[in-house]
Amino acid sequence: MKRGSWSVESTIGLVFTIGLVFTIVIAVIVAMVLAVIGLTAYAVTTPAPEQTIIQRVETTGDVKRLCIEARTNNRIDAMSCQLIDPHTGGVK
């Protein structure tokens, strides 16, 4: 076989190689599209955690405190208590 000449075998090999590369590229593109669709569907259907703010006055003897807490899914994220001034009614 001389260099530079085409034969049936080399043509078939070239066509097979191009077809194989094309098939792999298409498979990767399809997998990426399916991944994007799946992740988007997951993000849309998964509910976001709900945050609630609770405000209450706690009394111990003659001392009153205003307590505020933030909860997410029944877990306390933050809590703050401040003394209530008995003369002004404001917080200290």
Protein backbone atom coordinates (compact mmCIF):
# COMPACT_ATOMS: atom_id res chain seq x y z
CA MET A 1 0.00 0.00 0.00
CA LYS A 2 1.46 3.34 -1.00
CA ARG A 3 1.33 6.29 1.20
CA GLY A 4 -1.25 8.87 0.14
CA SER A 5 -3.51 6.49 -1.70
CA TRP A 6 -7.01 5.74 -0.51
CA SER A 7 -8.38 2.25 -0.22
CA VAL A 8 -11.80 0.87 0.69
CA GLU A 9 -10.52 -0.25 4.08
CA SER A 10 -9.16 3.17 5.03
CA THR A 11 -12.34 4.90 3.83
CA ILE A 12 -14.51 2.56 5.90
CA GLY A 13 -12.25 3.10 8.91
CA LEU A 14 -12.46 6.87 8.52
CA VAL A 15 -16.27 6.79 8.21
CA PHE A 16 -16.51 4.51 11.25
CA THR A 17 -14.23 6.79 13.31
CA ILE A 18 -16.19 9.92 12.34
CA GLY A 19 -19.45 8.13 13.15
CA LEU A 20 -18.14 6.99 16.52
CA VAL A 21 -16.96 10.50 17.46
CA PHE A 22 -20.30 11.96 16.31
CA THR A 23 -22.20 9.39 18.41
CA ILE A 24 -20.13 10.17 21.52
CA VAL A 25 -20.62 13.93 21.07
CA ILE A 26 -24.39 13.49 20.66
CA ALA A 27 -24.52 11.23 23.74
CA VAL A 28 -22.69 13.85 25.84
CA ILE A 29 -25.01 16.63 24.63
CA VAL A 30 -28.10 14.53 25.40
CA ALA A 31 -26.75 13.71 28.88
CA MET A 32 -26.11 17.40 29.58
CA VAL A 33 -29.61 18.38 28.43
CA LEU A 34 -31.18 15.67 30.59
CA ALA A 35 -29.10 16.80 33.58
CA VAL A 36 -30.25 20.40 33.15
CA ILE A 37 -33.88 19.31 32.84
CA GLY A 38 -33.60 17.05 35.89
CA LEU A 39 -31.92 19.66 38.09
CA THR A 40 -34.44 22.30 37.03
CA ALA A 41 -37.34 19.98 37.84
CA TYR A 42 -35.80 19.18 41.22
CA ALA A 43 -35.33 22.87 42.05
CA VAL A 44 -38.91 23.70 41.06
CA THR A 45 -40.59 20.83 42.92
CA THR A 46 -38.54 21.01 46.15
CA PRO A 47 -40.23 23.42 48.57
CA ALA A 48 -38.10 26.12 50.15
CA PRO A 49 -37.80 25.99 53.93
CA GLU A 50 -40.31 28.26 55.66
CA GLN A 51 -39.04 30.79 58.18
CA THR A 52 -41.26 32.03 61.00
CA ILE A 53 -40.66 34.90 63.41
CA ILE A 54 -42.10 34.52 66.93
CA GLN A 55 -42.41 37.46 69.31
CA ARG A 56 -43.42 37.00 72.95
CA VAL A 57 -43.16 38.67 76.35
CA GLU A 58 -41.68 36.52 79.13
CA THR A 59 -42.31 37.48 82.73
CA THR A 60 -40.21 36.33 85.65
CA GLY A 61 -41.43 37.96 88.87
CA ASP A 62 -41.68 41.66 88.09
CA VAL A 63 -39.10 41.53 85.25
CA LYS A 64 -40.45 41.45 81.70
CA ARG A 65 -38.45 40.57 78.60
CA LEU A 66 -39.38 40.89 74.95
CA CYS A 67 -38.07 37.80 73.15
CA ILE A 68 -37.92 37.42 69.36
CA GLU A 69 -36.88 34.17 67.71
CA ALA A 70 -36.48 33.10 64.09
CA ARG A 71 -37.22 29.48 63.25
CA THR A 72 -36.66 27.47 60.08
CA ASN A 73 -38.31 24.05 59.91
CA ASN A 74 -38.92 24.11 63.68
CA ARG A 75 -35.22 24.80 64.36
CA ILE A 76 -34.28 28.01 66.18
CA ASP A 77 -31.91 30.02 63.97
CA ALA A 78 -31.70 33.17 66.09
CA MET A 79 -33.07 34.38 69.41
CA SER A 80 -32.90 37.76 71.08
CA CYS A 81 -34.33 38.90 74.44
CA GLN A 82 -34.35 42.47 75.74
CA LEU A 83 -35.54 43.84 79.06
CA ILE A 84 -38.72 45.90 79.02
CA ASP A 85 -38.46 49.10 81.07
CA PRO A 86 -41.35 49.08 83.57
CA HIS A 87 -41.60 52.91 83.58
CA THR A 88 -41.55 53.65 79.85
CA GLY A 89 -42.67 50.31 78.40
CA GLY A 90 -39.78 50.42 75.92
CA VAL A 91 -36.91 47.96 75.62
CA LYS A 92 -33.47 48.63 77.04
